[in-house]
């Protein structure tokens, strides 16, 4: 007999919570979630992280146990850690938004308060999406090179705790006043271009900093990444890039290189800072590639967005196939 839409073969979830994240759910909210899950026949375990990397380890352990839904409760960094633990497994990534920002919650239709987000996940569907990879680290949203990564690296944590996302705007102003372009070569799919490099963003999704869209044509399940390289000779050109991007005309500029790629390589002298999903890397990779169809994600039932290509055989929560996705 065909199962009703919204039913999982196993009604089991792990919620990985970053307890220091802004708006992390407190005991009362967790109790409300547990009541919702119990009434729907689900059981869930809550795990709080105590340091960097633990969310990845917890997610990987859950995937080994074939827990069908693993939920990141925190900001973009927590979602990234859980993503790295789930890539290549049959467990689906869900999210309860918290932290300074949670771009994936907005992109996937789960930007709701804790109880509602959980309700949408357990009654929703799962879809297979791509991730990017650079320096041995996977990312769901984007990788940034140059001034973008320098902003992330130098944002003041004390200011971030007090004013949230506005701390990034302050750091951006400081970085734009000092940043200088560097000669670089960009290569992808047999194409090569020499540029005065200011910044590059390699996007798997569209939203940037919750304010605008740099990879404005990205599709999360098309087997490609969208690369946007900003060229110029310094402060003035960077300001113009900001204005063009906010107006969503940046792709038309002859100072912007925008392409959809499988892999992109950069070459420059010295080290350029790199960030993935808002967290700076402690290494300096110069290559980014897509890992197609390698992550299951949870979205609300019937969720529609330009970020997702229509799938001819969309996987719903009905009769989950926990086979291992492609990780090429």
Protein backbone atom coordinates (compact mmCIF):
# COMPACT_ATOMS: atom_id res chain seq x y z
CA UNK A 1 0.00 0.00 0.00
CA UNK A 2 1.30 3.44 -0.88
CA UNK A 3 2.09 5.53 2.17
CA UNK A 4 0.58 8.93 2.67
CA UNK A 5 2.70 11.94 1.76
CA UNK A 6 4.58 13.29 4.74
CA UNK A 7 5.26 9.94 6.37
CA UNK A 8 8.81 8.73 6.93
CA UNK A 9 9.73 5.09 7.20
CA UNK A 10 11.44 6.05 10.45
CA UNK A 11 10.09 8.96 12.42
CA UNK A 12 13.32 9.86 14.07
CA UNK A 13 15.38 13.06 14.14
CA UNK A 14 18.52 14.46 15.70
CA UNK A 15 18.58 18.18 16.52
CA UNK A 16 22.09 19.61 16.80
CA UNK A 17 21.99 22.89 18.71
CA UNK A 18 24.64 25.58 18.95
CA UNK A 19 23.74 26.79 22.46
CA UNK A 20 25.56 30.12 22.10
CA UNK A 21 23.80 31.02 18.85
CA UNK A 22 21.58 34.08 18.91
CA UNK A 23 17.94 33.02 19.45
CA UNK A 24 18.84 29.39 20.18
CA UNK A 25 15.68 27.71 21.57
CA UNK A 26 15.32 27.56 25.33
CA UNK A 27 13.82 24.77 27.44
CA UNK A 28 10.20 25.91 26.97
CA UNK A 29 10.51 26.00 23.18
CA UNK A 30 12.19 22.59 23.11
CA UNK A 31 9.33 21.21 25.21
CA UNK A 32 6.81 22.59 22.69
CA UNK A 33 8.72 20.90 19.87
CA UNK A 34 8.80 17.61 21.75
CA UNK A 35 5.03 17.81 22.24
CA UNK A 36 4.56 18.38 18.51
CA UNK A 37 6.80 15.45 17.64
CA UNK A 38 5.15 13.12 20.14
CA UNK A 39 1.70 13.93 18.78
CA UNK A 40 2.95 13.10 15.27
CA UNK A 41 4.57 9.84 16.36
CA UNK A 42 8.14 11.12 16.10
CA UNK A 43 11.00 10.90 18.51
CA UNK A 44 13.91 13.31 18.57
CA UNK A 45 17.15 13.66 20.43
CA UNK A 46 18.66 17.08 21.20
CA UNK A 47 22.45 17.47 21.26
CA UNK A 48 24.26 20.70 22.19
CA UNK A 49 27.68 21.42 20.74
CA UNK A 50 30.57 22.50 22.92
CA UNK A 51 33.10 23.59 20.31
CA UNK A 52 34.06 23.82 16.62
CA UNK A 53 33.75 20.63 14.59
CA UNK A 54 31.45 18.82 17.01
CA UNK A 55 28.33 19.39 14.88
CA UNK A 56 30.07 17.65 11.98
CA UNK A 57 30.96 14.67 14.15
CA UNK A 58 27.44 14.40 15.57
CA UNK A 59 25.90 14.61 12.09
CA UNK A 60 28.26 11.96 10.72
CA UNK A 61 27.38 9.61 13.59
CA UNK A 62 23.67 10.17 12.91
CA UNK A 63 24.17 9.41 9.22
CA UNK A 64 25.96 6.17 10.12
CA UNK A 65 22.91 5.22 12.19
CA UNK A 66 20.66 6.11 9.22
CA UNK A 67 18.69 8.69 11.18
CA UNK A 68 16.51 10.15 8.41
CA UNK A 69 16.44 13.79 9.53
CA UNK A 70 19.35 15.71 11.07
CA UNK A 71 18.52 19.29 12.01
CA UNK A 72 21.00 22.13 12.42
CA UNK A 73 19.80 24.65 15.00
CA UNK A 74 22.07 27.67 14.74
CA UNK A 75 23.45 30.05 12.15
CA UNK A 76 25.16 29.52 8.81
CA UNK A 77 28.26 28.07 10.48
CA UNK A 78 26.24 25.38 12.27
CA UNK A 79 24.45 24.48 9.03
CA UNK A 80 27.82 24.18 7.31
CA UNK A 81 29.21 21.87 9.97
CA UNK A 82 26.16 19.61 9.80
CA UNK A 83 26.35 19.64 6.00
CA UNK A 84 29.93 18.39 6.17
CA UNK A 85 28.80 15.50 8.35
CA UNK A 86 25.95 14.49 6.01
CA UNK A 87 27.40 14.81 2.49
CA UNK A 88 27.20 11.46 0.72
CA UNK A 89 24.78 9.93 3.22
CA UNK A 90 21.06 9.16 3.08
CA UNK A 91 20.19 11.49 5.98
CA UNK A 92 18.48 14.78 5.15
CA UNK A 93 19.59 18.18 6.43
CA UNK A 94 16.95 20.28 8.14
CA UNK A 95 17.33 23.61 9.90
CA UNK A 96 15.82 25.57 12.75
CA UNK A 97 16.98 29.15 12.19
CA UNK A 98 19.05 30.82 14.88
CA UNK A 99 22.37 32.63 14.97
CA UNK A 100 23.35 35.93 13.37
CA UNK A 101 21.92 34.71 10.07
CA UNK A 102 20.59 31.52 8.58
CA UNK A 103 20.58 31.94 4.83
CA UNK A 104 19.71 28.32 4.10
CA UNK A 105 16.53 28.56 6.20
CA UNK A 106 15.43 31.47 4.01
CA UNK A 107 16.42 29.74 0.79
CA UNK A 108 14.64 26.49 1.68
CA UNK A 109 11.36 27.88 3.06
CA UNK A 110 12.18 27.07 6.68
CA UNK A 111 12.69 30.63 7.94
CA UNK A 112 10.09 30.25 10.68
CA UNK A 113 10.01 30.08 14.45
CA UNK A 114 11.18 26.86 16.05
CA UNK A 115 7.90 24.93 16.34
CA UNK A 116 6.65 25.92 12.90
CA UNK A 117 9.97 25.08 11.26
CA UNK A 118 9.85 21.62 12.83
CA UNK A 119 6.24 21.10 11.72
CA UNK A 120 7.18 21.97 8.14
CA UNK A 121 10.08 19.51 8.18
CA UNK A 122 8.25 16.48 9.53
CA UNK A 123 5.34 17.05 7.13
CA UNK A 124 7.58 18.04 4.25
CA UNK A 125 9.70 16.41 1.59
CA UNK A 126 13.34 15.89 0.92
CA UNK A 127 15.31 16.83 -2.19
CA UNK A 128 18.75 16.04 -3.49
CA UNK A 129 21.05 19.05 -3.99
CA UNK A 130 24.63 19.83 -4.94
CA UNK A 131 27.34 21.16 -2.67
CA UNK A 132 30.63 22.88 -3.42
CA UNK A 133 34.04 21.82 -2.18
CA UNK A 134 37.26 23.77 -1.62
CA UNK A 135 40.27 23.03 0.56
CA UNK A 136 38.71 19.74 1.63
CA UNK A 137 35.64 21.55 3.05
CA UNK A 138 32.12 21.30 1.63
CA UNK A 139 29.77 24.25 1.47
CA UNK A 140 26.05 24.51 0.86
CA UNK A 141 25.82 28.26 0.24
CA UNK A 142 29.01 29.78 -1.13
CA UNK A 143 32.76 30.18 -1.03
CA UNK A 144 34.26 33.68 -1.02
CA UNK A 145 37.76 34.79 -2.02
CA UNK A 146 39.45 38.13 -1.42
CA UNK A 147 37.76 41.09 0.21
CA UNK A 148 34.64 39.06 1.02
CA UNK A 149 36.66 36.52 3.01
CA UNK A 150 38.72 39.25 4.63
CA UNK A 151 35.53 40.85 5.94
CA UNK A 152 34.48 37.54 7.50
CA UNK A 153 37.94 37.00 8.95
CA UNK A 154 38.15 40.44 10.55
CA UNK A 155 34.62 41.01 11.85
CA UNK A 156 34.81 41.86 15.56
CA UNK A 157 33.05 39.16 17.58
CA UNK A 158 32.16 41.55 20.40
CA UNK A 159 30.49 43.92 17.95
CA UNK A 160 28.79 40.95 16.24
CA UNK A 161 27.29 39.84 19.58
CA UNK A 162 25.89 43.33 20.16
CA UNK A 163 24.64 44.38 16.72
CA UNK A 164 24.37 41.10 14.81
CA UNK A 165 24.69 41.23 11.01
CA UNK A 166 25.45 44.97 11.11
CA UNK A 167 28.95 44.02 12.33
CA UNK A 168 29.66 42.70 8.84
CA UNK A 169 28.69 46.03 7.30
CA UNK A 170 31.16 47.82 9.57
CA UNK A 171 33.90 45.33 8.71
CA UNK A 172 33.09 45.72 5.01
CA UNK A 173 33.64 49.48 5.15
CA UNK A 174 36.99 49.00 6.86
CA UNK A 175 38.13 46.38 4.34
CA UNK A 176 37.06 48.40 1.31
CA UNK A 177 39.13 51.36 2.51
CA UNK A 178 42.31 49.28 2.60
CA UNK A 179 41.88 46.52 0.02
CA UNK A 180 43.95 46.56 -3.18
CA UNK A 181 43.51 44.41 -6.27
CA UNK A 182 46.03 41.74 -7.23
CA UNK A 183 46.90 40.34 -10.68
CA UNK A 184 45.24 36.95 -11.10
CA UNK A 185 44.27 34.32 -13.63
CA UNK A 186 40.86 32.64 -13.61
CA UNK A 187 40.39 29.28 -15.35
CA UNK A 188 37.31 27.12 -15.89
CA UNK A 189 35.99 24.74 -18.55
CA UNK A 190 38.82 25.53 -20.96
CA UNK A 191 38.44 29.31 -20.50
CA UNK A 192 41.20 31.54 -19.13
CA UNK A 193 41.12 35.22 -18.21
CA UNK A 194 43.69 37.54 -16.63
CA UNK A 195 42.13 40.03 -14.22
CA UNK A 196 42.85 42.68 -11.61
CA UNK A 197 41.26 40.64 -8.84
CA UNK A 198 39.22 42.22 -6.05
CA UNK A 199 36.88 39.44 -4.99
CA UNK A 200 35.26 36.24 -6.19
CA UNK A 201 32.19 34.46 -4.96
CA UNK A 202 31.41 30.89 -5.98
CA UNK A 203 27.76 30.30 -5.20
CA UNK A 204 25.59 27.23 -4.87
CA UNK A 205 22.68 29.37 -3.65
CA UNK A 206 21.59 32.96 -4.35
CA UNK A 207 21.25 35.08 -1.21
CA UNK A 208 24.33 36.97 -0.03
CA UNK A 209 24.48 38.31 3.54
CA UNK A 210 20.69 38.24 3.56
CA UNK A 211 20.71 41.53 1.63
CA UNK A 212 21.27 40.88 -2.07
CA UNK A 213 22.13 38.20 -4.63
CA UNK A 214 25.60 37.88 -6.13
CA UNK A 215 25.19 34.40 -7.63
CA UNK A 216 21.81 35.61 -8.81
CA UNK A 217 21.15 32.75 -11.22
CA UNK A 218 22.39 29.89 -9.06
CA UNK A 219 20.34 26.69 -8.99
CA UNK A 220 21.07 24.31 -6.14
CA UNK A 221 20.40 21.09 -8.04
CA UNK A 222 21.75 21.78 -11.55
CA UNK A 223 25.18 20.16 -11.10
CA UNK A 224 26.95 23.52 -11.44
CA UNK A 225 28.28 26.40 -9.35
CA UNK A 226 27.90 30.06 -10.29
CA UNK A 227 31.16 32.04 -10.14
CA UNK A 228 31.19 35.84 -10.01
CA UNK A 229 34.57 37.58 -10.19
CA UNK A 230 34.79 41.30 -9.44
CA UNK A 231 37.62 43.08 -11.23
CA UNK A 232 39.10 46.55 -10.72
CA UNK A 233 41.95 48.58 -9.34
CA UNK A 234 40.82 49.37 -5.82
CA UNK A 235 38.42 51.27 -3.61
CA UNK A 236 36.44 53.18 -6.25
CA UNK A 237 35.72 50.11 -8.34
CA UNK A 238 34.73 48.10 -5.27
CA UNK A 239 32.17 50.75 -4.30
CA UNK A 240 30.76 50.66 -7.84
CA UNK A 241 30.54 46.88 -7.63
CA UNK A 242 28.56 47.17 -4.39
CA UNK A 243 26.12 49.62 -5.97
CA UNK A 244 25.72 47.53 -9.13
CA UNK A 245 25.12 44.39 -7.07
CA UNK A 246 22.51 46.04 -4.87
CA UNK A 247 20.76 47.19 -8.06
CA UNK A 248 21.16 43.66 -9.49
CA UNK A 249 22.91 44.86 -12.65
CA UNK A 250 26.38 43.57 -11.75
CA UNK A 251 26.31 40.77 -14.31
CA UNK A 252 26.11 43.36 -17.11
CA UNK A 253 29.33 45.13 -16.11
CA UNK A 254 32.50 44.55 -18.14
CA UNK A 255 34.28 44.55 -14.76
CA UNK A 256 32.40 41.44 -13.67
CA UNK A 257 32.98 37.89 -14.88
CA UNK A 258 29.93 35.67 -14.29
CA UNK A 259 29.78 32.05 -15.41
CA UNK A 260 28.20 28.72 -14.45
CA UNK A 261 30.97 26.14 -13.97
CA UNK A 262 31.85 22.66 -12.78
CA UNK A 263 35.22 23.75 -11.45
CA UNK A 264 37.09 27.05 -11.19
CA UNK A 265 40.79 27.63 -10.53
CA UNK A 266 42.49 30.84 -9.44
CA UNK A 267 46.16 31.72 -9.70
CA UNK A 268 47.81 34.67 -7.95
CA UNK A 269 50.92 35.55 -5.98
CA UNK A 270 50.80 34.99 -2.24
CA UNK A 271 47.79 33.97 -0.15
CA UNK A 272 44.23 35.25 -0.59
CA UNK A 273 41.78 34.70 2.32
CA UNK A 274 38.93 32.24 1.75
CA UNK A 275 35.62 31.70 3.55
CA UNK A 276 32.90 29.06 3.19
CA UNK A 277 29.32 29.67 4.32
CA UNK A 278 30.50 32.67 6.35
CA UNK A 279 33.36 30.98 8.20
CA UNK A 280 37.00 31.80 7.33
CA UNK A 281 39.27 28.91 6.39
CA UNK A 282 42.69 28.49 7.99
CA UNK A 283 44.16 27.55 4.61
CA UNK A 284 44.33 29.18 1.18
CA UNK A 285 42.87 26.92 -1.51
CA UNK A 286 42.71 28.16 -5.11
CA UNK A 287 40.28 25.61 -6.60
CA UNK A 288 36.55 25.10 -6.16
CA UNK A 289 34.48 22.27 -7.60
CA UNK A 290 30.90 21.08 -7.48
CA UNK A 291 29.91 17.77 -5.90
CA UNK A 292 26.63 17.11 -7.69
CA UNK A 293 23.63 15.47 -6.07
CA UNK A 294 25.44 14.71 -2.84
CA UNK A 295 23.19 16.08 -0.06
CA UNK A 296 19.58 15.42 0.88
CA UNK A 297 17.77 18.44 2.31
CA UNK A 298 14.39 18.90 3.97
CA UNK A 299 11.96 21.47 2.53
CA UNK A 300 8.26 22.16 3.11
CA UNK A 301 5.86 19.98 1.13
CA UNK A 302 5.42 21.37 -2.39
CA UNK A 303 8.06 24.07 -1.85
CA UNK A 304 8.62 26.12 -5.00
CA UNK A 305 11.61 28.39 -5.67
CA UNK A 306 13.75 29.47 -8.61
CA UNK A 307 16.66 28.06 -6.63
CA UNK A 308 15.43 24.52 -7.38
CA UNK A 309 15.08 22.96 -10.81
CA UNK A 310 11.89 20.90 -11.15
CA UNK A 311 12.61 17.23 -10.53
CA UNK A 312 10.74 14.65 -12.59
CA UNK A 313 10.69 12.16 -9.71
CA UNK A 314 10.75 14.38 -6.66
CA UNK A 315 11.43 12.51 -3.42
CA UNK A 316 8.83 13.25 -0.77
CA UNK A 317 8.82 12.08 2.80
CA UNK A 318 6.88 9.06 1.57
CA UNK A 319 8.94 5.87 1.61
CA UNK A 320 12.38 7.42 1.91
CA UNK A 321 15.06 5.77 -0.17
CA UNK A 322 18.13 5.98 2.04
CA UNK A 323 20.53 4.95 -0.71
CA UNK A 324 23.80 6.82 -0.87
CA UNK A 325 23.69 9.82 -3.22
CA UNK A 326 26.35 10.59 -5.80
CA UNK A 327 29.61 12.04 -4.46
CA UNK A 328 31.64 12.37 -7.66
